[in-house]
PDB file of N, CA and C in Angstrom:
ATOM      1  N   UNK A   1       9.877  14.038   7.225  1.00  0.00           N
ATOM      2  CA  UNK A   1      10.323  13.406   5.985  1.00  0.00           C
ATOM      3  C   UNK A   1       8.884  13.882   4.812  1.00  0.00           C
ATOM      4  N   UNK A   2       7.835  13.765   5.284  1.00  0.00           N
ATOM      5  CA  UNK A   2       6.665  14.111   4.477  1.00  0.00           C
ATOM      6  C   UNK A   2       6.672  15.671   3.926  1.00  0.00           C
ATOM      7  N   UNK A   3       6.979  16.394   4.962  1.00  0.00           N
ATOM      8  CA  UNK A   3       7.145  17.816   4.781  1.00  0.00           C
ATOM      9  C   UNK A   3       8.203  18.104   3.821  1.00  0.00           C
ATOM     10  N   UNK A   4       9.330  17.436   3.846  1.00  0.00           N
ATOM     11  CA  UNK A   4      10.570  17.639   2.777  1.00  0.00           C
ATOM     12  C   UNK A   4      10.192  17.196   1.428  1.00  0.00           C
ATOM     13  N   UNK A   5       9.281  16.114   1.352  1.00  0.00           N
ATOM     14  CA  UNK A   5       8.685  15.870   0.124  1.00  0.00           C
ATOM     15  C   UNK A   5       7.817  16.665  -0.487  1.00  0.00           C
ATOM     16  N   UNK A   6       7.137  17.314   0.482  1.00  0.00           N
ATOM     17  CA  UNK A   6       5.986  18.329  -0.155  1.00  0.00           C
ATOM     18  C   UNK A   6       6.906  19.543  -0.234  1.00  0.00           C
ATOM     19  N   UNK A   7       7.894  20.002   0.282  1.00  0.00           N
ATOM     20  CA  UNK A   7       8.513  21.095  -0.032  1.00  0.00           C
ATOM     21  C   UNK A   7       9.530  20.870  -1.364  1.00  0.00           C
ATOM     22  N   UNK A   8       9.748  19.669  -1.749  1.00  0.00           N
ATOM     23  CA  UNK A   8      10.785  19.423  -2.737  1.00  0.00           C
ATOM     24  C   UNK A   8       9.976  19.096  -3.844  1.00  0.00           C
ATOM     25  N   UNK A   9       8.824  18.818  -3.958  1.00  0.00           N
ATOM     26  CA  UNK A   9       8.179  18.643  -5.137  1.00  0.00           C
ATOM     27  C   UNK A   9       6.653  19.328  -5.028  1.00  0.00           C
ATOM     28  N   UNK A  10       6.872  20.662  -5.690  1.00  0.00           N
ATOM     29  CA  UNK A  10       5.692  21.702  -5.640  1.00  0.00           C
ATOM     30  C   UNK A  10       4.397  21.052  -6.273  1.00  0.00           C
ATOM     31  N   UNK A  11       4.449  19.801  -6.814  1.00  0.00           N
ATOM     32  CA  UNK A  11       3.098  19.334  -7.215  1.00  0.00           C
ATOM     33  C   UNK A  11       2.030  19.101  -6.054  1.00  0.00           C
ATOM     34  N   UNK A  12       2.464  18.925  -4.947  1.00  0.00           N
ATOM     35  CA  UNK A  12       1.566  18.784  -3.699  1.00  0.00           C
ATOM     36  C   UNK A  12       1.286  20.187  -3.194  1.00  0.00           C
ATOM     37  N   UNK A  13      -0.031  20.442  -2.937  1.00  0.00           N
ATOM     38  CA  UNK A  13      -0.613  21.345  -2.462  1.00  0.00           C
ATOM     39  C   UNK A  13      -0.287  21.609  -0.940  1.00  0.00           C
ATOM     40  N   UNK A  14      -0.335  20.402  -0.378  1.00  0.00           N
ATOM     41  CA  UNK A  14       0.009  20.523   1.244  1.00  0.00           C
ATOM     42  C   UNK A  14       0.063  19.145   1.641  1.00  0.00           C
ATOM     43  N   UNK A  15       0.398  18.862   2.997  1.00  0.00           N
ATOM     44  CA  UNK A  15       0.494  17.408   3.425  1.00  0.00           C
ATOM     45  C   UNK A  15      -0.304  16.417   3.257  1.00  0.00           C
ATOM     46  N   UNK A  16      -1.699  16.962   3.198  1.00  0.00           N
ATOM     47  CA  UNK A  16      -2.802  16.152   3.036  1.00  0.00           C
ATOM     48  C   UNK A  16      -2.791  15.473   1.684  1.00  0.00           C
ATOM     49  N   UNK A  17      -2.527  16.351   0.335  1.00  0.00           N
ATOM     50  CA  UNK A  17      -2.626  16.253  -0.873  1.00  0.00           C
ATOM     51  C   UNK A  17      -1.058  14.986  -0.893  1.00  0.00           C
ATOM     52  N   UNK A  18      -0.363  15.295  -0.438  1.00  0.00           N
ATOM     53  CA  UNK A  18       1.133  14.293  -0.496  1.00  0.00           C
ATOM     54  C   UNK A  18       0.849  12.994   0.047  1.00  0.00           C
ATOM     55  N   UNK A  19      -0.040  12.951   1.130  1.00  0.00           N
ATOM     56  CA  UNK A  19      -0.627  11.681   1.801  1.00  0.00           C
ATOM     57  C   UNK A  19      -1.335  11.015   0.898  1.00  0.00           C
ATOM     58  N   UNK A  20      -2.197  11.575   0.320  1.00  0.00           N
ATOM     59  CA  UNK A  20      -3.129  11.155  -0.369  1.00  0.00           C
ATOM     60  C   UNK A  20      -2.607  10.603  -1.927  1.00  0.00           C
ATOM     61  N   UNK A  21      -1.543  11.144  -2.254  1.00  0.00           N
ATOM     62  CA  UNK A  21      -0.773  10.699  -3.207  1.00  0.00           C
ATOM     63  C   UNK A  21      -0.058   9.457  -3.194  1.00  0.00           C
ATOM     64  N   UNK A  22       0.273   9.094  -2.050  1.00  0.00           N
ATOM     65  CA  UNK A  22       1.272   8.002  -1.477  1.00  0.00           C
ATOM     66  C   UNK A  22       0.137   6.874  -1.562  1.00  0.00           C
ATOM     67  N   UNK A  23      -1.236   6.978  -1.303  1.00  0.00           N
ATOM     68  CA  UNK A  23      -1.934   5.832  -1.193  1.00  0.00           C
ATOM     69  C   UNK A  23      -3.153   5.913  -2.272  1.00  0.00           C
ATOM     70  N   UNK A  24      -3.148   6.957  -3.240  1.00  0.00           N
ATOM     71  CA  UNK A  24      -3.911   6.755  -4.383  1.00  0.00           C
ATOM     72  C   UNK A  24      -3.475   5.855  -5.386  1.00  0.00           C
ATOM     73  N   UNK A  25      -4.489   5.096  -5.899  1.00  0.00           N
ATOM     74  CA  UNK A  25      -4.101   4.148  -6.954  1.00  0.00           C
ATOM     75  C   UNK A  25      -5.379   3.009  -6.683  1.00  0.00           C
ATOM     76  N   UNK A  26      -5.825   2.376  -7.438  1.00  0.00           N
ATOM     77  CA  UNK A  26      -7.055   1.627  -7.223  1.00  0.00           C
ATOM     78  C   UNK A  26      -6.865   0.420  -6.519  1.00  0.00           C
ATOM     79  N   UNK A  27      -5.541  -0.226  -6.147  1.00  0.00           N
ATOM     80  CA  UNK A  27      -5.566  -1.207  -5.489  1.00  0.00           C
ATOM     81  C   UNK A  27      -4.252  -1.069  -4.075  1.00  0.00           C
ATOM     82  N   UNK A  28      -3.869   0.114  -4.143  1.00  0.00           N
ATOM     83  CA  UNK A  28      -2.895   0.425  -2.820  1.00  0.00           C
ATOM     84  C   UNK A  28      -3.616  -0.093  -1.386  1.00  0.00           C
ATOM     85  N   UNK A  29      -4.581   0.861  -1.031  1.00  0.00           N
ATOM     86  CA  UNK A  29      -5.250   0.477  -0.045  1.00  0.00           C
ATOM     87  C   UNK A  29      -5.674  -0.859   0.160  1.00  0.00           C
ATOM     88  N   UNK A  30      -6.107  -1.558  -0.808  1.00  0.00           N
ATOM     89  CA  UNK A  30      -6.183  -3.228  -0.512  1.00  0.00           C
ATOM     90  C   UNK A  30      -4.860  -4.002  -0.379  1.00  0.00           C
ATOM     91  N   UNK A  31      -3.876  -3.687  -0.825  1.00  0.00           N
ATOM     92  CA  UNK A  31      -2.541  -4.003  -0.813  1.00  0.00           C
ATOM     93  C   UNK A  31      -2.094  -3.783   0.527  1.00  0.00           C
ATOM     94  N   UNK A  32      -2.175  -2.681   1.020  1.00  0.00           N
ATOM     95  CA  UNK A  32      -1.867  -2.284   2.492  1.00  0.00           C
ATOM     96  C   UNK A  32      -2.716  -3.005   3.522  1.00  0.00           C
ATOM     97  N   UNK A  33      -3.889  -3.211   3.432  1.00  0.00           N
ATOM     98  CA  UNK A  33      -4.586  -3.971   4.480  1.00  0.00           C
ATOM     99  C   UNK A  33      -4.191  -5.313   4.358  1.00  0.00           C
ATOM    100  N   UNK A  34      -4.086  -6.086   2.958  1.00  0.00           N
ATOM    101  CA  UNK A  34      -3.740  -7.398   2.891  1.00  0.00           C
ATOM    102  C   UNK A  34      -2.453  -7.753   3.568  1.00  0.00           C
ATOM    103  N   UNK A  35      -1.522  -6.750   3.487  1.00  0.00           N
ATOM    104  CA  UNK A  35      -0.186  -7.005   4.098  1.00  0.00           C
ATOM    105  C   UNK A  35      -0.018  -6.805   5.604  1.00  0.00           C
ATOM    106  N   UNK A  36      -1.417  -5.996   5.943  1.00  0.00           N
ATOM    107  CA  UNK A  36      -1.210  -5.503   7.195  1.00  0.00           C
ATOM    108  C   UNK A  36      -2.027  -7.017   8.055  1.00  0.00           C
ATOM    109  N   UNK A  37      -2.676  -7.535   7.328  1.00  0.00           N
ATOM    110  CA  UNK A  37      -3.277  -8.831   7.977  1.00  0.00           C
ATOM    111  C   UNK A  37      -2.535 -10.123   7.892  1.00  0.00           C
ATOM    112  N   UNK A  38      -1.811 -10.342   6.971  1.00  0.00           N
ATOM    113  CA  UNK A  38      -0.932 -11.558   6.652  1.00  0.00           C
ATOM    114  C   UNK A  38       0.338 -11.169   7.209  1.00  0.00           C
ATOM    115  N   UNK A  39       1.141 -10.040   7.278  1.00  0.00           N
ATOM    116  CA  UNK A  39       2.324  -9.696   7.712  1.00  0.00           C
ATOM    117  C   UNK A  39       3.387  -9.821   6.385  1.00  0.00           C
ATOM    118  N   UNK A  40       3.318 -10.846   5.985  1.00  0.00           N
ATOM    119  CA  UNK A  40       4.394 -11.002   4.803  1.00  0.00           C
ATOM    120  C   UNK A  40       3.654 -12.093   3.699  1.00  0.00           C
ATOM    121  N   UNK A  41       3.844 -11.691   2.537  1.00  0.00           N
ATOM    122  CA  UNK A  41       3.196 -12.275   1.062  1.00  0.00           C
ATOM    123  C   UNK A  41       4.098 -12.263  -0.063  1.00  0.00           C
ATOM    124  N   UNK A  42       3.910 -13.268  -0.674  1.00  0.00           N
ATOM    125  CA  UNK A  42       4.555 -13.386  -2.041  1.00  0.00           C
ATOM    126  C   UNK A  42       3.425 -12.706  -2.990  1.00  0.00           C
ATOM    127  N   UNK A  43       4.128 -12.507  -4.028  1.00  0.00           N
ATOM    128  CA  UNK A  43       3.417 -11.689  -5.251  1.00  0.00           C
ATOM    129  C   UNK A  43       2.000 -12.730  -5.596  1.00  0.00           C
ATOM    130  N   UNK A  44       2.116 -13.991  -5.805  1.00  0.00           N
ATOM    131  CA  UNK A  44       1.287 -14.665  -6.263  1.00  0.00           C
ATOM    132  C   UNK A  44      -0.017 -14.943  -5.313  1.00  0.00           C
ATOM    133  N   UNK A  45       0.510 -14.823  -3.793  1.00  0.00           N
ATOM    134  CA  UNK A  45      -0.703 -14.887  -3.053  1.00  0.00           C
ATOM    135  C   UNK A  45      -1.444 -13.489  -2.360  1.00  0.00           C
ATOM    136  N   UNK A  46      -0.755 -12.458  -2.960  1.00  0.00           N
ATOM    137  CA  UNK A  46      -1.386 -11.147  -2.909  1.00  0.00           C
ATOM    138  C   UNK A  46      -2.362 -11.045  -4.097  1.00  0.00           C
ATOM    139  N   UNK A  47      -2.019 -11.609  -5.173  1.00  0.00           N
ATOM    140  CA  UNK A  47      -2.773 -11.777  -6.398  1.00  0.00           C
ATOM    141  C   UNK A  47      -4.034 -12.492  -6.235  1.00  0.00           C
ATOM    142  N   UNK A  48      -3.723 -13.692  -5.668  1.00  0.00           N
ATOM    143  CA  UNK A  48      -4.769 -14.512  -5.132  1.00  0.00           C
ATOM    144  C   UNK A  48      -5.889 -13.951  -4.289  1.00  0.00           C
ATOM    145  N   UNK A  49      -5.452 -13.291  -3.203  1.00  0.00           N
ATOM    146  CA  UNK A  49      -6.130 -12.881  -2.206  1.00  0.00           C
ATOM    147  C   UNK A  49      -6.759 -11.674  -2.661  1.00  0.00           C
ATOM    148  N   UNK A  50      -6.427 -10.810  -3.280  1.00  0.00           N
ATOM    149  CA  UNK A  50      -6.966  -9.694  -3.920  1.00  0.00           C
ATOM    150  C   UNK A  50      -7.801  -9.768  -4.937  1.00  0.00           C
ATOM    151  N   UNK A  51      -7.836 -11.137  -5.748  1.00  0.00           N
ATOM    152  CA  UNK A  51      -8.219 -11.720  -6.795  1.00  0.00           C
ATOM    153  C   UNK A  51      -8.718 -10.708  -8.015  1.00  0.00           C
ATOM    154  N   UNK A  52      -9.293  -9.711  -8.254  1.00  0.00           N
ATOM    155  CA  UNK A  52      -9.542  -8.989  -9.429  1.00  0.00           C
ATOM    156  C   UNK A  52      -8.398  -8.145  -9.999  1.00  0.00           C
ATOM    157  N   UNK A  53      -7.317  -8.255  -9.130  1.00  0.00           N
ATOM    158  CA  UNK A  53      -6.274  -7.377  -9.670  1.00  0.00           C
ATOM    159  C   UNK A  53      -5.305  -7.937 -10.862  1.00  0.00           C
ATOM    160  N   UNK A  54      -5.283  -7.502 -11.840  1.00  0.00           N
ATOM    161  CA  UNK A  54      -4.282  -7.820 -12.987  1.00  0.00           C
ATOM    162  C   UNK A  54      -2.447  -7.830 -12.473  1.00  0.00           C
ATOM    163  N   UNK A  55      -2.034  -8.913 -13.124  1.00  0.00           N
ATOM    164  CA  UNK A  55      -0.273  -8.972 -12.800  1.00  0.00           C
ATOM    165  C   UNK A  55       0.263  -7.682 -12.910  1.00  0.00           C
ATOM    166  N   UNK A  56      -0.019  -6.940 -13.990  1.00  0.00           N
ATOM    167  CA  UNK A  56       0.897  -5.651 -14.507  1.00  0.00           C
ATOM    168  C   UNK A  56       0.238  -4.603 -13.372  1.00  0.00           C
ATOM    169  N   UNK A  57      -0.881  -4.552 -13.093  1.00  0.00           N
ATOM    170  CA  UNK A  57      -1.376  -3.598 -12.147  1.00  0.00           C
ATOM    171  C   UNK A  57      -0.867  -3.743 -10.663  1.00  0.00           C
ATOM    172  N   UNK A  58      -0.819  -4.899 -10.197  1.00  0.00           N
ATOM    173  CA  UNK A  58      -0.229  -5.278  -8.957  1.00  0.00           C
ATOM    174  C   UNK A  58       1.247  -5.128  -8.800  1.00  0.00           C
ATOM    175  N   UNK A  59       1.839  -5.492  -9.838  1.00  0.00           N
ATOM    176  CA  UNK A  59       3.474  -5.111  -9.912  1.00  0.00           C
ATOM    177  C   UNK A  59       3.597  -3.646  -9.996  1.00  0.00           C
ATOM    178  N   UNK A  60       2.826  -2.773 -10.804  1.00  0.00           N
ATOM    179  CA  UNK A  60       3.056  -1.384 -10.657  1.00  0.00           C
ATOM    180  C   UNK A  60       2.802  -0.886  -9.275  1.00  0.00           C
ATOM    181  N   UNK A  61       1.596  -1.223  -8.741  1.00  0.00           N
ATOM    182  CA  UNK A  61       1.133  -0.804  -7.566  1.00  0.00           C
ATOM    183  C   UNK A  61       2.223  -0.974  -6.360  1.00  0.00           C
ATOM    184  N   UNK A  62       2.727  -2.297  -6.249  1.00  0.00           N
ATOM    185  CA  UNK A  62       3.624  -2.706  -5.329  1.00  0.00           C
ATOM    186  C   UNK A  62       5.114  -1.795  -5.504  1.00  0.00           C
ATOM    187  N   UNK A  63       5.508  -1.561  -6.795  1.00  0.00           N
ATOM    188  CA  UNK A  63       6.667  -0.924  -7.134  1.00  0.00           C
ATOM    189  C   UNK A  63       6.420   0.720  -6.648  1.00  0.00           C
ATOM    190  N   UNK A  64       5.492   1.048  -6.722  1.00  0.00           N
ATOM    191  CA  UNK A  64       5.058   2.455  -6.380  1.00  0.00           C
ATOM    192  C   UNK A  64       4.955   2.609  -4.617  1.00  0.00           C
ATOM    193  N   UNK A  65       4.380   1.540  -3.932  1.00  0.00           N
ATOM    194  CA  UNK A  65       4.352   1.596  -2.665  1.00  0.00           C
ATOM    195  C   UNK A  65       5.917   1.328  -2.025  1.00  0.00           C
ATOM    196  N   UNK A  66       6.514   0.759  -2.731  1.00  0.00           N
ATOM    197  CA  UNK A  66       8.064   0.164  -2.428  1.00  0.00           C
ATOM    198  C   UNK A  66       8.970   1.621  -2.505  1.00  0.00           C
ATOM    199  N   UNK A  67       8.670   2.096  -3.520  1.00  0.00           N
ATOM    200  CA  UNK A  67       9.412   3.747  -3.906  1.00  0.00           C
ATOM    201  C   UNK A  67       9.091   4.615  -2.799  1.00  0.00           C
ATOM    202  N   UNK A  68       7.920   4.487  -2.259  1.00  0.00           N
ATOM    203  CA  UNK A  68       7.291   5.441  -1.442  1.00  0.00           C
ATOM    204  C   UNK A  68       7.714   5.068  -0.043  1.00  0.00           C
ATOM    205  N   UNK A  69       8.295   3.868   0.028  1.00  0.00           N
ATOM    206  CA  UNK A  69       9.002   3.414   1.384  1.00  0.00           C
ATOM    207  C   UNK A  69       7.675   3.013   2.536  1.00  0.00           C
ATOM    208  N   UNK A  70       6.509   2.431   1.708  1.00  0.00           N
ATOM    209  CA  UNK A  70       5.363   2.000   2.505  1.00  0.00           C
ATOM    210  C   UNK A  70       5.381   0.463   2.606  1.00  0.00           C
ATOM    211  N   UNK A  71       6.181  -0.159   1.416  1.00  0.00           N
ATOM    212  CA  UNK A  71       6.166  -1.626   1.381  1.00  0.00           C
ATOM    213  C   UNK A  71       7.702  -2.116   1.356  1.00  0.00           C
ATOM    214  N   UNK A  72       7.970  -3.118   1.757  1.00  0.00           N
ATOM    215  CA  UNK A  72       9.628  -3.667   1.470  1.00  0.00           C
ATOM    216  C   UNK A  72       9.373  -4.879   0.821  1.00  0.00           C
ATOM    217  N   UNK A  73      10.268  -4.857  -0.129  1.00  0.00           N
ATOM    218  CA  UNK A  73      10.414  -6.011  -1.022  1.00  0.00           C
ATOM    219  C   UNK A  73      11.561  -6.663  -0.782  1.00  0.00           C
ATOM    220  N   UNK A  74      11.614  -8.187  -0.358  1.00  0.00           N
ATOM    221  CA  UNK A  74      12.585  -8.829  -0.061  1.00  0.00           C
ATOM    222  C   UNK A  74      12.939 -10.002  -1.154  1.00  0.00           C
ATOM    223  N   UNK A  75      14.032  -9.962  -2.114  1.00  0.00           N
ATOM    224  CA  UNK A  75      14.534 -10.955  -3.054  1.00  0.00           C
ATOM    225  C   UNK A  75      15.308 -11.786  -2.313  1.00  0.00           C
ATOM    226  N   UNK A  76      14.847 -13.284  -2.250  1.00  0.00           N
ATOM    227  CA  UNK A  76      15.680 -14.181  -1.801  1.00  0.00           C
ATOM    228  C   UNK A  76      16.829 -14.579  -2.699  1.00  0.00           C
ATOM    229  N   UNK A  77      16.869 -14.270  -3.880  1.00  0.00           N
ATOM    230  CA  UNK A  77      17.938 -14.741  -4.796  1.00  0.00           C
ATOM    231  C   UNK A  77      18.141 -15.921  -4.903  1.00  0.00           C
ATOM    232  N   UNK A  78      17.212 -16.751  -4.905  1.00  0.00           N
ATOM    233  CA  UNK A  78      17.449 -18.061  -5.231  1.00  0.00           C
ATOM    234  C   UNK A  78      17.149 -18.685  -6.553  1.00  0.00           C
ATOM    235  N   UNK A  79      17.337 -19.881  -7.108  1.00  0.00           N
ATOM    236  CA  UNK A  79      17.237 -20.298  -8.387  1.00  0.00           C
ATOM    237  C   UNK A  79      15.713 -20.236  -8.857  1.00  0.00           C
ATOM    238  N   UNK A  80      14.717 -20.655  -7.826  1.00  0.00           N
ATOM    239  CA  UNK A  80      13.368 -20.354  -8.287  1.00  0.00           C
ATOM    240  C   UNK A  80      13.032 -19.043  -7.471  1.00  0.00           C
ATOM    241  N   UNK A  81      12.376 -17.873  -8.453  1.00  0.00           N
ATOM    242  CA  UNK A  81      12.022 -16.695  -7.732  1.00  0.00           C
ATOM    243  C   UNK A  81      11.283 -16.991  -6.641  1.00  0.00           C
ATOM    244  N   UNK A  82      11.867 -15.967  -5.710  1.00  0.00           N
ATOM    245  CA  UNK A  82      11.424 -15.937  -4.267  1.00  0.00           C
ATOM    246  C   UNK A  82      11.420 -14.567  -3.830  1.00  0.00           C
ATOM    247  N   UNK A  83      10.217 -13.886  -3.789  1.00  0.00           N
ATOM    248  CA  UNK A  83      10.307 -12.602  -3.278  1.00  0.00           C
ATOM    249  C   UNK A  83       8.987 -12.570  -2.192  1.00  0.00           C
ATOM    250  N   UNK A  84       9.313 -11.653  -1.386  1.00  0.00           N
ATOM    251  CA  UNK A  84       8.204 -11.341  -0.259  1.00  0.00           C
ATOM    252  C   UNK A  84       8.166  -9.964  -0.192  1.00  0.00           C
ATOM    253  N   UNK A  85       6.966  -9.613   0.304  1.00  0.00           N
ATOM    254  CA  UNK A  85       6.372  -8.271   0.587  1.00  0.00           C
ATOM    255  C   UNK A  85       5.824  -8.099   1.721  1.00  0.00           C
ATOM    256  N   UNK A  86       6.357  -6.996   2.712  1.00  0.00           N
ATOM    257  CA  UNK A  86       5.597  -6.779   3.802  1.00  0.00           C
ATOM    258  C   UNK A  86       5.851  -5.346   3.838  1.00  0.00           C
ATOM    259  N   UNK A  87       4.864  -4.935   4.897  1.00  0.00           N
ATOM    260  CA  UNK A  87       4.769  -3.425   5.334  1.00  0.00           C
ATOM    261  C   UNK A  87       6.087  -2.871   6.176  1.00  0.00           C
ATOM    262  N   UNK A  88       6.528  -1.582   5.715  1.00  0.00           N
ATOM    263  CA  UNK A  88       7.449  -1.072   6.495  1.00  0.00           C
ATOM    264  C   UNK A  88       6.941  -0.391   7.744  1.00  0.00           C
ATOM    265  N   UNK A  89       7.567   0.138   8.578  1.00  0.00           N
ATOM    266  CA  UNK A  89       7.173   1.000   9.829  1.00  0.00           C
ATOM    267  C   UNK A  89       6.243   1.998   9.206  1.00  0.00           C
ATOM    268  N   UNK A  90       6.744   2.543   8.200  1.00  0.00           N
ATOM    269  CA  UNK A  90       6.076   3.786   7.748  1.00  0.00           C
ATOM    270  C   UNK A  90       4.692   3.361   7.079  1.00  0.00           C
ATOM    271  N   UNK A  91       4.384   2.110   6.440  1.00  0.00           N
ATOM    272  CA  UNK A  91       3.201   1.462   5.929  1.00  0.00           C
ATOM    273  C   UNK A  91       2.508   1.003   7.084  1.00  0.00           C
ATOM    274  N   UNK A  92       3.133   0.553   8.193  1.00  0.00           N
ATOM    275  CA  UNK A  92       2.167   0.127   9.228  1.00  0.00           C
ATOM    276  C   UNK A  92       1.727   1.599  10.009  1.00  0.00           C
ATOM    277  N   UNK A  93       2.386   2.614   9.981  1.00  0.00           N
ATOM    278  CA  UNK A  93       1.822   3.754  10.641  1.00  0.00           C
ATOM    279  C   UNK A  93       0.316   4.163  10.138  1.00  0.00           C
ATOM    280  N   UNK A  94       0.356   3.849   8.581  1.00  0.00           N
ATOM    281  CA  UNK A  94      -0.769   4.133   7.936  1.00  0.00           C
ATOM    282  C   UNK A  94      -2.159   3.282   8.297  1.00  0.00           C
ATOM    283  N   UNK A  95      -1.880   2.011   8.868  1.00  0.00           N
ATOM    284  CA  UNK A  95      -3.125   1.184   9.254  1.00  0.00           C
ATOM    285  C   UNK A  95      -4.062   1.627  10.014  1.00  0.00           C
ATOM    286  N   UNK A  96      -3.652   2.657  11.350  1.00  0.00           N
ATOM    287  CA  UNK A  96      -4.977   2.910  12.152  1.00  0.00           C
ATOM    288  C   UNK A  96      -5.631   4.088  11.364  1.00  0.00           C
ATOM    289  N   UNK A  97      -5.157   4.921  10.537  1.00  0.00           N
ATOM    290  CA  UNK A  97      -5.680   5.921   9.746  1.00  0.00           C
ATOM    291  C   UNK A  97      -6.745   5.304   8.823  1.00  0.00           C
ATOM    292  N   UNK A  98      -6.305   3.986   7.966  1.00  0.00           N
ATOM    293  CA  UNK A  98      -7.288   3.189   7.230  1.00  0.00           C
ATOM    294  C   UNK A  98      -8.284   2.712   8.326  1.00  0.00           C
ATOM    295  N   UNK A  99      -8.171   2.186   9.228  1.00  0.00           N
ATOM    296  CA  UNK A  99      -9.005   1.369  10.061  1.00  0.00           C
ATOM    297  C   UNK A  99      -9.993   2.558  10.486  1.00  0.00           C
ATOM    298  N   UNK A 100      -9.518   3.827  10.938  1.00  0.00           N
ATOM    299  CA  UNK A 100     -10.613   4.962  11.202  1.00  0.00           C
ATOM    300  C   UNK A 100     -11.437   5.217   9.963  1.00  0.00           C
ATOM    301  N   UNK A 101     -10.964   5.064   8.709  1.00  0.00           N
ATOM    302  CA  UNK A 101     -12.029   5.286   7.630  1.00  0.00           C
ATOM    303  C   UNK A 101     -12.888   4.226   7.480  1.00  0.00           C
ATOM    304  N   UNK A 102     -12.330   2.853   7.743  1.00  0.00           N
ATOM    305  CA  UNK A 102     -13.435   1.690   7.547  1.00  0.00           C
ATOM    306  C   UNK A 102     -14.447   1.674   8.847  1.00  0.00           C
ATOM    307  N   UNK A 103     -14.118   2.433  10.088  1.00  0.00           N
ATOM    308  CA  UNK A 103     -14.934   2.577  11.048  1.00  0.00           C
ATOM    309  C   UNK A 103     -15.995   3.568  10.542  1.00  0.00           C
ATOM    310  N   UNK A 104     -15.662   4.600   9.876  1.00  0.00           N
ATOM    311  CA  UNK A 104     -16.670   5.979   9.511  1.00  0.00           C
ATOM    312  C   UNK A 104     -17.491   5.079   8.651  1.00  0.00           C
ATOM    313  N   UNK A 105     -16.915   4.469   7.639  1.00  0.00           N
ATOM    314  CA  UNK A 105     -17.786   3.664   6.667  1.00  0.00           C
ATOM    315  C   UNK A 105     -18.890   2.702   7.228  1.00  0.00           C
ATOM    316  N   UNK A 106     -18.426   2.189   8.231  1.00  0.00           N
ATOM    317  CA  UNK A 106     -19.289   1.310   8.880  1.00  0.00           C
ATOM    318  C   UNK A 106     -20.716   1.947   9.636  1.00  0.00           C
ATOM    319  N   UNK A 107     -20.310   3.242  10.095  1.00  0.00           N
ATOM    320  CA  UNK A 107     -21.034   3.936  10.646  1.00  0.00           C
ATOM    321  C   UNK A 107     -22.009   4.705   9.992  1.00  0.00           C
ATOM    322  N   UNK A 108     -21.520   5.095   8.897  1.00  0.00           N
ATOM    323  CA  UNK A 108     -22.446   6.289   7.676  1.00  0.00           C
ATOM    324  C   UNK A 108     -22.729   5.669   6.395  1.00  0.00           C
ATOM    325  N   UNK A 109     -22.487   4.344   6.076  1.00  0.00           N
ATOM    326  CA  UNK A 109     -22.796   3.767   4.832  1.00  0.00           C
ATOM    327  C   UNK A 109     -23.665   2.582   4.898  1.00  0.00           C
ATOM    328  N   UNK A 110     -24.791   2.858   4.411  1.00  0.00           N
ATOM    329  CA  UNK A 110     -25.634   1.542   4.495  1.00  0.00           C
ATOM    330  C   UNK A 110     -25.323   0.304   3.198  1.00  0.00           C
ATOM    331  N   UNK A 111     -24.877  -0.714   3.420  1.00  0.00           N
ATOM    332  CA  UNK A 111     -24.331  -1.563   2.502  1.00  0.00           C
ATOM    333  C   UNK A 111     -25.166  -1.947   1.615  1.00  0.00           C
ATOM    334  N   UNK A 112     -26.518  -1.488   1.614  1.00  0.00           N
ATOM    335  CA  UNK A 112     -27.698  -2.238   0.630  1.00  0.00           C
ATOM    336  C   UNK A 112     -27.720  -1.134  -0.489  1.00  0.00           C
TER     337      UNK A 112
END
């Protein structure tokens, strides 16, 4: 599917560039990690857990992640707004890659 997207949209130079476009964004990786950890989360909980992200930015980043099929949004359609977010199988498949990046950082970046 990624190859189809690369071929369909020439703005991507290759699969690496296409993949980076999916996770590029100030908060997307944090959102993915948070959802990987908690499994299911409501908007307010995500905003509380990430803390420094604005309402508008979080909404925008979640919408992009949903459009790219990395995050699933479930609206319960109740009188009180109740929406939950979770990673899709496609989103979950990114977690080992993001974990590898964290491992590299632990090994090569001095926190001081």
